[in-house]
Amino acid sequence: MAKKFIHPYIPNSVPEVQQEMLQEIGVENIDEFFKCIPDEQKVQGKLDLPDPLLSEAALKRHVEGILARNQPAGNMINFLGGGCWDHHVPAVCDEIAARSEFLTAYAGEPYEDHGRFQALFEYASMMAELLDVEVVNIPTYDGSQAAAPALSMACRITGRTEVLVAVSTAPDRLSVIKSYLYPDIKVNLFDYDSDTGLADLDDLSARLSDQTAAVYFENPAYLGYFETRGRKISALAHEQGALSVVWTDPASLGVLNPPRAYGADLTCGEIQPLGIHMFMGGGRAGFIGAPDDERYIKEYPSRLFGIAPTTHREWGFGDAAWERTSFASRETSKEFVGTASALWGITAGVYLALMGPEGMRELGENCIKRTRYALNKMAGLPGVKAPAIGTHFFKEFVVNFDGCGKTVAHINAELLSRGIMGGQDLSQVYPDMGQSALYSLTEKRSREDIDCLVNELEKILSA
């Protein structure tokens, strides 16, 4: 009789342990648990899987072999952005984020508070100063999961069930917005000028109505350019009793007016640029900023931290307006508050404290200078159109390669073989743009990096 296989990492594979559990439950075998599943929907026979790795050493060697196939952005010259950017992460951000009182906390909740409430309050305060608002929430999953709840907040505030969203919205974010708001809130799109990227105000005006709860646009836009008509967009929304909701990159706010300055009622965005590694796209967290108005505060779905004096004549930090959250009442809460990204809020707070106003200004200026230098250099390549859309840019711009007779996929593959990560391929997302790519220039890209990119592109396009 063949000996039954016992997996070294799965205690339940021990026959005696299995039998004891089955007796306790009151069934004879494991198959009884799956009687409700029709036989034709069950896999017959063994799965086509490799043999298990039975030793820790073999498993470690296997996993390290898989990881060795990765191409870390830090080992290459990286021009890939589009929502997760290769910004510099100061060492102190990693040091604080790795501390046990912060790192091990589920949903940011340690079993005892070692300053987390104060750290998150300080983060929210600095973000509020950067955004020129009074209220900022504890971070959500990411910037997209901040944009969608901000729009649902606007619907509850206005009592309406339709929103207008710019066509130029980041595709992934637009998908999240539609999924999040469906089916209770209708999402309509308004157009933009294909040359400048600016909102089509005539189309927006035609689509606005007394049923519109909010107008949503992004500045800087997903394709890198500045939306210079923000004040007009907000004014058109307000004329119809709607709110203006703006998604912004906080890295731009050292040089760009915050959305509130041009009429935004709610501001949302992504804090990954603020001292957080890309982590294969996973180092993400979102924010929602609002005025100190009870109409807005009561509609926040996420946690808010405040400060108050204690009976011991000290300052205390804790949840504000707790009763509106799903922690307080699942039945009456505004929305469900799930696992938050509190660790990244603390990390972003460290980054903002380190940078200060002057540092944020320098960050923005460096991004703009590098973008302008790269744009001018790439525009000189034969058959290349740079920029392909827009006029004024922050840290990204669109490059079109239709005149070169080569696809973005081919160009990126060639660049990758030369140690360069090219721009994000837009040909599938925006087919009307042809063979276009979105190039990202953060403060980490040097003049030498850009010259290297241009030189290699010249060789690829001429081959």
Protein backbone atom coordinates (compact mmCIF):
# COMPACT_ATOMS: atom_id res chain seq x y z
CA MET A 1 0.00 0.00 0.00
CA ALA A 2 1.42 3.38 -1.06
CA LYS A 3 2.21 5.73 1.75
CA LYS A 4 0.06 8.87 1.72
CA PHE A 5 1.96 12.07 0.95
CA ILE A 6 2.29 14.43 3.87
CA HIS A 7 3.07 18.02 2.89
CA PRO A 8 5.73 19.60 5.15
CA TYR A 9 3.90 22.96 5.24
CA ILE A 10 0.27 21.78 5.55
CA PRO A 11 -0.52 20.15 8.94
CA ASN A 12 -3.94 19.01 7.68
CA SER A 13 -2.23 16.64 5.25
CA VAL A 14 -1.31 14.31 8.15
CA PRO A 15 -3.88 11.46 7.97
CA GLU A 16 -4.36 11.26 11.74
CA VAL A 17 -4.99 15.01 11.95
CA GLN A 18 -7.45 14.85 9.04
CA GLN A 19 -9.38 11.98 10.62
CA GLU A 20 -9.60 13.70 13.98
CA MET A 21 -11.01 16.86 12.33
CA LEU A 22 -13.55 14.88 10.28
CA GLN A 23 -14.76 13.02 13.38
CA GLU A 24 -15.15 16.28 15.25
CA ILE A 25 -17.20 17.76 12.40
CA GLY A 26 -19.23 14.60 11.98
CA VAL A 27 -18.46 13.53 8.39
CA GLU A 28 -16.72 10.48 7.00
CA ASN A 29 -14.56 12.04 4.33
CA ILE A 30 -13.61 15.34 2.69
CA ASP A 31 -15.74 14.64 -0.39
CA GLU A 32 -18.89 15.21 1.66
CA PHE A 33 -18.09 18.91 1.79
CA PHE A 34 -18.40 19.14 -2.00
CA LYS A 35 -21.61 17.19 -2.62
CA CYS A 36 -23.40 20.38 -3.65
CA ILE A 37 -21.07 20.85 -6.63
CA PRO A 38 -22.16 18.90 -9.77
CA ASP A 39 -19.65 16.29 -10.92
CA GLU A 40 -19.30 17.92 -14.34
CA GLN A 41 -17.96 21.05 -12.65
CA LYS A 42 -15.31 19.18 -10.67
CA VAL A 43 -11.79 18.60 -11.91
CA GLN A 44 -11.31 14.90 -12.62
CA GLY A 45 -7.85 13.55 -11.93
CA LYS A 46 -4.75 15.46 -10.90
CA LEU A 47 -3.98 19.04 -11.81
CA ASP A 48 -1.12 19.60 -14.23
CA LEU A 49 1.25 20.97 -11.61
CA PRO A 50 4.93 20.32 -10.92
CA ASP A 51 5.94 18.16 -8.00
CA PRO A 52 6.02 19.98 -4.63
CA LEU A 53 9.25 21.34 -3.23
CA LEU A 54 9.70 19.45 0.01
CA SER A 55 12.62 21.28 1.60
CA GLU A 56 13.02 24.87 2.69
CA ALA A 57 16.27 25.13 0.77
CA ALA A 58 14.68 23.92 -2.47
CA LEU A 59 11.73 26.25 -2.05
CA LYS A 60 14.00 29.22 -1.35
CA ARG A 61 16.12 28.45 -4.43
CA HIS A 62 12.99 28.16 -6.60
CA VAL A 63 11.50 31.48 -5.43
CA GLU A 64 14.81 33.30 -5.78
CA GLY A 65 15.03 32.02 -9.35
CA ILE A 66 11.63 33.52 -10.11
CA LEU A 67 12.56 36.84 -8.51
CA ALA A 68 15.82 36.96 -10.47
CA ARG A 69 13.78 37.30 -13.67
CA ASN A 70 12.41 40.67 -12.49
CA GLN A 71 13.71 43.90 -13.98
CA PRO A 72 13.71 46.33 -11.02
CA ALA A 73 13.22 49.95 -11.98
CA GLY A 74 16.12 50.91 -9.73
CA ASN A 75 18.52 48.93 -11.91
CA MET A 76 17.46 50.74 -15.07
CA ILE A 77 16.89 54.22 -16.42
CA ASN A 78 13.15 54.47 -15.90
CA PHE A 79 10.78 56.66 -17.93
CA LEU A 80 7.65 54.69 -17.02
CA GLY A 81 4.89 56.45 -15.05
CA GLY A 82 1.20 56.78 -15.76
CA GLY A 83 0.04 56.62 -12.15
CA CYS A 84 2.94 55.07 -10.23
CA TRP A 85 6.15 57.09 -10.47
CA ASP A 86 9.85 56.62 -9.82
CA HIS A 87 10.36 59.43 -7.31
CA HIS A 88 13.23 59.56 -4.83
CA VAL A 89 12.43 57.97 -1.46
CA PRO A 90 14.49 59.45 1.39
CA ALA A 91 16.04 56.83 3.70
CA VAL A 92 14.20 58.22 6.72
CA CYS A 93 10.84 57.29 5.10
CA ASP A 94 11.85 53.64 4.97
CA GLU A 95 13.28 53.80 8.48
CA ILE A 96 10.07 55.11 10.06
CA ALA A 97 7.75 52.91 7.97
CA ALA A 98 9.69 49.82 9.11
CA ARG A 99 9.28 50.53 12.82
CA SER A 100 7.31 47.77 14.51
CA GLU A 101 4.69 50.05 16.09
CA PHE A 102 3.67 51.13 12.59
CA LEU A 103 4.58 48.26 10.27
CA THR A 104 2.84 45.40 12.09
CA ALA A 105 -0.48 47.17 12.60
CA TYR A 106 -3.45 45.66 10.78
CA ALA A 107 -5.37 48.47 9.06
CA GLY A 108 -3.09 50.79 10.99
CA GLU A 109 -4.48 49.40 14.27
CA PRO A 110 -1.81 48.31 16.77
CA TYR A 111 -2.90 46.61 19.96
CA GLU A 112 -1.70 49.66 21.82
CA ASP A 113 -1.07 53.09 20.41
CA HIS A 114 2.55 54.20 20.28
CA GLY A 115 1.95 57.53 18.60
CA ARG A 116 0.12 56.31 15.47
CA PHE A 117 -2.89 58.59 16.04
CA GLN A 118 -0.63 61.62 16.37
CA ALA A 119 1.48 60.57 13.37
CA LEU A 120 -1.62 60.31 11.19
CA PHE A 121 -3.01 63.58 12.52
CA GLU A 122 0.27 65.29 11.62
CA TYR A 123 0.14 63.71 8.13
CA ALA A 124 -3.42 64.95 7.62
CA SER A 125 -2.46 68.43 8.84
CA MET A 126 0.47 68.73 6.43
CA MET A 127 -1.61 67.38 3.55
CA ALA A 128 -4.33 69.90 4.38
CA GLU A 129 -1.77 72.71 4.25
CA LEU A 130 -0.46 71.46 0.90
CA LEU A 131 -4.01 71.20 -0.51
CA ASP A 132 -5.25 74.44 1.13
CA VAL A 133 -8.14 72.59 2.79
CA GLU A 134 -9.07 71.99 6.43
CA VAL A 135 -9.99 68.30 6.42
CA VAL A 136 -8.05 65.29 5.03
CA ASN A 137 -8.91 61.66 5.67
CA ILE A 138 -6.78 58.72 6.71
CA PRO A 139 -5.56 57.23 3.41
CA THR A 140 -7.73 54.94 1.29
CA TYR A 141 -6.41 52.03 -0.80
CA ASP A 142 -5.18 54.26 -3.64
CA GLY A 143 -5.92 57.43 -5.61
CA SER A 144 -8.66 55.77 -7.63
CA GLN A 145 -10.38 54.59 -4.47
CA ALA A 146 -10.26 58.20 -3.29
CA ALA A 147 -11.76 59.61 -6.50
CA ALA A 148 -14.78 57.29 -6.51
CA PRO A 149 -15.83 57.91 -2.87
CA ALA A 150 -15.29 61.65 -3.39
CA LEU A 151 -17.88 61.51 -6.18
CA SER A 152 -20.29 59.49 -4.06
CA MET A 153 -19.81 62.08 -1.30
CA ALA A 154 -20.79 64.77 -3.80
CA CYS A 155 -23.95 62.85 -4.68
CA ARG A 156 -24.99 62.57 -1.03
CA ILE A 157 -24.23 66.25 -0.40
CA THR A 158 -26.26 67.45 -3.39
CA GLY A 159 -28.95 64.76 -3.31
CA ARG A 160 -28.31 63.99 -6.99
CA THR A 161 -27.35 60.78 -8.79
CA GLU A 162 -25.36 61.78 -11.90
CA VAL A 163 -21.73 62.85 -12.29
CA LEU A 164 -19.79 64.24 -15.25
CA VAL A 165 -16.26 62.87 -15.67
CA ALA A 166 -13.61 64.09 -18.13
CA VAL A 167 -12.82 61.70 -21.00
CA SER A 168 -9.14 62.43 -20.33
CA THR A 169 -9.36 60.68 -16.94
CA ALA A 170 -6.80 57.91 -16.39
CA PRO A 171 -8.33 54.73 -17.89
CA ASP A 172 -7.79 52.56 -14.81
CA ARG A 173 -9.20 55.25 -12.55
CA LEU A 174 -12.22 55.74 -14.79
CA SER A 175 -12.86 51.99 -14.62
CA VAL A 176 -12.75 52.09 -10.81
CA ILE A 177 -15.09 55.11 -10.72
CA LYS A 178 -17.64 53.40 -12.94
CA SER A 179 -17.48 50.13 -11.01
CA TYR A 180 -17.65 51.83 -7.62
CA LEU A 181 -20.61 54.06 -8.44
CA TYR A 182 -22.62 51.45 -10.37
CA PRO A 183 -25.61 51.05 -10.32
CA ASP A 184 -26.81 53.89 -8.07
CA ILE A 185 -24.89 56.73 -9.70
CA LYS A 186 -24.77 57.40 -13.44
CA VAL A 187 -21.38 58.36 -14.90
CA ASN A 188 -21.44 60.56 -18.02
CA LEU A 189 -18.33 61.73 -19.88
CA PHE A 190 -17.48 65.14 -21.33
CA ASP A 191 -14.99 65.61 -24.15
CA TYR A 192 -11.65 67.37 -24.50
CA ASP A 193 -9.69 69.03 -27.31
CA SER A 194 -7.50 66.39 -28.98
CA ASP A 195 -4.73 68.93 -29.67
CA THR A 196 -4.47 70.84 -26.40
CA GLY A 197 -5.99 68.26 -24.06
CA LEU A 198 -8.09 70.98 -22.44
CA ALA A 199 -11.71 70.35 -21.53
CA ASP A 200 -14.32 71.03 -24.19
CA LEU A 201 -16.35 73.65 -22.32
CA ASP A 202 -19.15 73.65 -24.89
CA ASP A 203 -19.62 69.89 -24.51
CA LEU A 204 -19.45 70.21 -20.73
CA SER A 205 -22.07 72.98 -20.71
CA ALA A 206 -24.39 70.94 -22.92
CA ARG A 207 -24.19 67.94 -20.60
CA LEU A 208 -24.61 69.80 -17.30
CA SER A 209 -28.10 69.76 -15.78
CA ASP A 210 -29.93 70.14 -12.50
CA GLN A 211 -29.33 66.40 -12.00
CA THR A 212 -25.53 66.72 -12.07
CA ALA A 213 -24.00 66.17 -8.65
CA ALA A 214 -20.36 66.79 -9.59
CA VAL A 215 -17.94 67.57 -12.39
CA TYR A 216 -14.69 65.61 -12.13
CA PHE A 217 -11.40 66.35 -13.88
CA GLU A 218 -7.70 65.76 -13.27
CA ASN A 219 -4.95 68.36 -12.99
CA PRO A 220 -2.24 67.55 -13.96
CA ALA A 221 -4.08 65.29 -16.39
CA TYR A 222 -3.26 61.63 -16.88
CA LEU A 223 -1.45 62.54 -20.11
CA GLY A 224 0.77 65.02 -18.29
CA TYR A 225 -0.54 68.44 -19.32
CA PHE A 226 -2.03 71.12 -17.08
CA GLU A 227 -5.76 71.81 -17.29
CA THR A 228 -5.65 75.62 -17.44
CA ARG A 229 -9.44 76.03 -17.49
CA GLY A 230 -10.02 74.73 -13.99
CA ARG A 231 -11.68 77.91 -12.78
CA LYS A 232 -14.13 77.92 -15.73
CA ILE A 233 -14.95 74.23 -15.25
CA SER A 234 -15.68 74.79 -11.54
CA ALA A 235 -17.78 77.86 -12.31
CA LEU A 236 -19.89 75.94 -14.84
CA ALA A 237 -20.46 73.20 -12.27
CA HIS A 238 -21.43 75.67 -9.54
CA GLU A 239 -23.90 77.44 -11.83
CA GLN A 240 -25.87 74.19 -11.99
CA GLY A 241 -25.60 73.52 -8.25
CA ALA A 242 -23.01 70.79 -8.78
CA LEU A 243 -19.70 70.34 -6.96
CA SER A 244 -16.27 70.51 -8.53
CA VAL A 245 -14.14 67.43 -7.76
CA VAL A 246 -10.48 67.52 -8.83
CA TRP A 247 -7.89 64.75 -8.80
CA THR A 248 -4.35 66.10 -8.39
CA ASP A 249 -0.76 64.93 -7.99
CA PRO A 250 0.53 66.27 -4.64
CA ALA A 251 4.07 66.39 -6.05
CA SER A 252 2.91 69.25 -8.29
CA LEU A 253 1.56 71.45 -5.51
CA GLY A 254 4.87 73.12 -4.68
CA VAL A 255 4.59 74.94 -8.02
CA LEU A 256 0.92 74.61 -8.99
CA ASN A 257 -2.05 76.22 -7.28
CA PRO A 258 -4.06 73.64 -5.32
CA PRO A 259 -7.46 72.77 -6.82
CA ARG A 260 -9.29 74.76 -4.16
CA ALA A 261 -7.74 77.94 -5.62
CA TYR A 262 -9.69 77.40 -8.84
CA GLY A 263 -12.97 76.35 -7.28
CA ALA A 264 -12.67 72.69 -6.29
CA ASP A 265 -15.04 71.64 -3.52
CA LEU A 266 -13.42 68.22 -3.06
CA THR A 267 -9.80 67.36 -3.85
CA CYS A 268 -8.54 63.81 -4.19
CA GLY A 269 -5.40 62.06 -5.35
CA GLU A 270 -2.58 59.58 -4.80
CA ILE A 271 0.21 59.94 -2.20
CA GLN A 272 2.61 57.42 -3.77
CA PRO A 273 4.90 60.29 -4.95
CA LEU A 274 5.41 61.33 -1.32
CA GLY A 275 8.20 59.01 -0.14
CA ILE A 276 6.66 55.68 -1.15
CA HIS A 277 8.37 53.11 -3.37
CA MET A 278 6.60 51.80 -6.46
CA PHE A 279 6.61 48.22 -5.10
CA MET A 280 5.53 46.75 -8.46
CA GLY A 281 2.58 49.14 -8.48
CA GLY A 282 1.50 48.37 -4.91
CA GLY A 283 2.81 51.24 -2.80
CA ARG A 284 -0.40 53.22 -3.16
CA ALA A 285 -2.76 55.26 -0.98
CA GLY A 286 -5.36 57.95 -1.67
CA PHE A 287 -6.56 61.15 -0.02
CA ILE A 288 -9.74 63.25 -0.01
CA GLY A 289 -9.56 66.90 1.02
CA ALA A 290 -12.55 69.08 1.93
CA PRO A 291 -13.45 72.34 3.69
CA ASP A 292 -14.28 72.45 7.39
CA ASP A 293 -17.99 72.22 6.71
CA GLU A 294 -20.31 69.77 8.48
CA ARG A 295 -22.04 68.97 5.17
CA TYR A 296 -18.77 67.54 3.87
CA ILE A 297 -17.43 66.04 7.09
CA LYS A 298 -20.61 64.04 7.74
CA GLU A 299 -20.38 62.47 4.29
CA TYR A 300 -16.79 61.25 4.59
CA PRO A 301 -16.76 57.44 4.45
CA SER A 302 -13.23 57.10 5.83
CA ARG A 303 -11.60 57.84 9.14
CA LEU A 304 -10.74 61.37 10.27
CA PHE A 305 -8.33 62.09 13.12
CA GLY A 306 -8.61 65.15 15.32
CA ILE A 307 -6.91 66.72 18.33
CA ALA A 308 -8.43 67.66 21.70
CA PRO A 309 -7.26 68.48 25.23
CA THR A 310 -7.48 65.65 27.78
CA THR A 311 -8.38 65.69 31.46
CA HIS A 312 -4.65 65.29 32.18
CA ARG A 313 -3.92 68.61 30.50
CA GLU A 314 -2.29 66.93 27.54
CA TRP A 315 -3.23 66.73 23.89
CA GLY A 316 -5.06 63.65 22.71
CA PHE A 317 -5.53 62.36 19.17
CA GLY A 318 -8.35 60.19 17.90
CA ASP A 319 -11.28 59.62 15.56
CA ALA A 320 -13.54 62.55 14.66
CA ALA A 321 -17.25 62.12 13.82
CA TRP A 322 -16.90 58.41 14.58
CA GLU A 323 -20.62 57.76 14.34
CA ARG A 324 -20.66 58.13 10.52
CA THR A 325 -18.21 55.24 9.94
CA SER A 326 -18.97 51.56 9.44
CA PHE A 327 -16.91 50.85 12.55
CA ALA A 328 -19.61 52.56 14.57
CA SER A 329 -22.62 51.24 12.65
CA ARG A 330 -22.65 48.98 9.61
CA GLU A 331 -26.35 49.71 9.05
CA THR A 332 -26.28 53.51 8.99
CA SER A 333 -22.72 54.33 7.86
CA LYS A 334 -22.08 56.37 4.72
CA GLU A 335 -19.96 53.67 3.12
CA PHE A 336 -17.94 50.70 4.29
CA VAL A 337 -14.54 51.50 5.81
CA GLY A 338 -12.23 48.61 4.96
CA THR A 339 -8.55 48.02 5.52
CA ALA A 340 -6.89 51.41 5.13
CA SER A 341 -3.38 52.36 4.02
CA ALA A 342 -2.45 54.00 7.30
CA LEU A 343 1.21 52.98 7.03
CA TRP A 344 1.58 54.98 3.82
CA GLY A 345 -0.09 57.97 5.45
CA ILE A 346 2.57 57.92 8.16
CA THR A 347 5.29 57.55 5.50
CA ALA A 348 3.93 60.46 3.48
CA GLY A 349 3.81 62.52 6.67
CA VAL A 350 7.51 61.84 7.24
CA TYR A 351 8.23 62.89 3.65
CA LEU A 352 6.27 66.14 3.91
CA ALA A 353 7.90 67.02 7.23
CA LEU A 354 11.33 66.41 5.71
CA MET A 355 10.67 68.36 2.51
CA GLY A 356 8.83 71.37 3.86
CA PRO A 357 7.42 74.08 1.55
CA GLU A 358 10.81 74.83 -0.03
CA GLY A 359 11.51 71.18 -0.73
CA MET A 360 8.12 70.68 -2.38
CA ARG A 361 8.73 73.73 -4.56
CA GLU A 362 12.13 72.36 -5.63
CA LEU A 363 10.57 68.96 -6.35
CA GLY A 364 7.99 70.49 -8.67
CA GLU A 365 10.51 72.73 -10.42
CA ASN A 366 12.91 69.83 -11.01
CA CYS A 367 10.15 67.69 -12.53
CA ILE A 368 9.11 70.51 -14.88
CA LYS A 369 12.69 71.31 -15.92
CA ARG A 370 13.51 67.70 -16.71
CA THR A 371 10.27 67.26 -18.60
CA ARG A 372 10.94 70.33 -20.73
CA TYR A 373 14.51 69.26 -21.47
CA ALA A 374 13.41 65.74 -22.50
CA LEU A 375 10.56 67.09 -24.59
CA ASN A 376 12.83 69.43 -26.53
CA LYS A 377 15.40 66.70 -27.13
CA MET A 378 12.85 64.12 -28.31
CA ALA A 379 11.10 66.64 -30.56
CA GLY A 380 14.30 66.81 -32.61
CA LEU A 381 14.18 63.12 -33.54
CA PRO A 382 13.06 62.48 -37.16
CA GLY A 383 9.48 61.22 -37.44
CA VAL A 384 8.78 61.87 -33.75
CA LYS A 385 6.06 64.23 -32.55
CA ALA A 386 6.66 65.51 -29.04
CA PRO A 387 4.44 66.54 -27.48
CA ALA A 388 1.61 64.81 -29.29
CA ILE A 389 -1.01 66.49 -27.11
CA GLY A 390 -1.07 69.44 -24.72
CA THR A 391 0.97 72.58 -24.24
CA HIS A 392 2.16 72.91 -20.61
CA PHE A 393 3.36 69.84 -18.68
CA PHE A 394 4.32 68.71 -15.22
CA LYS A 395 6.29 65.44 -15.31
CA GLU A 396 4.78 63.51 -18.22
CA PHE A 397 4.05 64.07 -21.90
CA VAL A 398 2.86 62.07 -24.90
CA VAL A 399 5.26 61.13 -27.72
CA ASN A 400 3.93 59.90 -31.08
CA PHE A 401 6.01 57.56 -33.27
CA ASP A 402 3.67 57.21 -36.29
CA GLY A 403 6.18 58.96 -38.53
CA CYS A 404 8.88 56.43 -37.69
CA GLY A 405 7.16 53.30 -38.98
CA LYS A 406 7.77 51.44 -35.71
CA THR A 407 5.41 50.42 -32.92
CA VAL A 408 5.76 51.50 -29.31
CA ALA A 409 5.97 47.82 -28.32
CA HIS A 410 8.99 47.33 -30.59
CA ILE A 411 10.66 50.53 -29.39
CA ASN A 412 10.11 49.63 -25.72
CA ALA A 413 11.49 46.12 -26.23
CA GLU A 414 14.62 47.57 -27.81
CA LEU A 415 15.02 50.13 -25.04
CA LEU A 416 14.57 47.44 -22.38
CA SER A 417 17.37 45.40 -23.90
CA ARG A 418 19.57 48.49 -23.46
CA GLY A 419 18.71 49.03 -19.80
CA ILE A 420 16.02 51.67 -20.34
CA MET A 421 12.33 51.50 -19.43
CA GLY A 422 10.46 53.39 -22.13
CA GLY A 423 7.16 55.22 -21.88
CA GLN A 424 3.79 53.64 -21.25
CA ASP A 425 2.26 52.26 -24.46
CA LEU A 426 -0.98 54.15 -25.16
CA SER A 427 -1.83 52.48 -28.46
CA GLN A 428 -4.31 50.04 -26.91
CA VAL A 429 -5.91 52.50 -24.51
CA TYR A 430 -6.10 55.44 -26.94
CA PRO A 431 -6.12 53.90 -30.46
CA ASP A 432 -6.96 57.30 -31.98
CA MET A 433 -3.50 58.50 -30.90
CA GLY A 434 -1.79 55.85 -33.04
CA GLN A 435 1.62 54.66 -31.86
CA SER A 436 2.01 56.94 -28.85
CA ALA A 437 3.69 56.54 -25.48
CA LEU A 438 3.51 58.43 -22.18
CA TYR A 439 6.99 59.37 -20.94
CA SER A 440 7.54 60.22 -17.27
CA LEU A 441 10.31 62.49 -15.95
CA THR A 442 10.68 62.69 -12.17
CA GLU A 443 13.38 64.51 -10.22
CA LYS A 444 15.50 61.31 -10.40
CA ARG A 445 16.10 61.53 -14.14
CA SER A 446 19.33 63.37 -14.86
CA ARG A 447 20.38 65.20 -18.01
CA GLU A 448 22.67 62.23 -18.74
CA ASP A 449 19.71 59.81 -18.42
CA ILE A 450 17.69 61.85 -20.90
CA ASP A 451 20.60 62.17 -23.36
CA CYS A 452 21.08 58.40 -23.14
CA LEU A 453 17.39 57.82 -23.92
CA VAL A 454 17.48 60.14 -26.93
CA ASN A 455 20.69 58.62 -28.30
CA GLU A 456 19.31 55.08 -28.02
CA LEU A 457 16.00 56.12 -29.57
CA GLU A 458 17.86 57.64 -32.51
CA LYS A 459 19.64 54.32 -33.11
CA ILE A 460 16.42 52.29 -32.79
CA LEU A 461 14.39 54.53 -35.10
CA SER A 462 17.08 54.59 -37.76
CA ALA A 463 17.63 50.82 -37.79
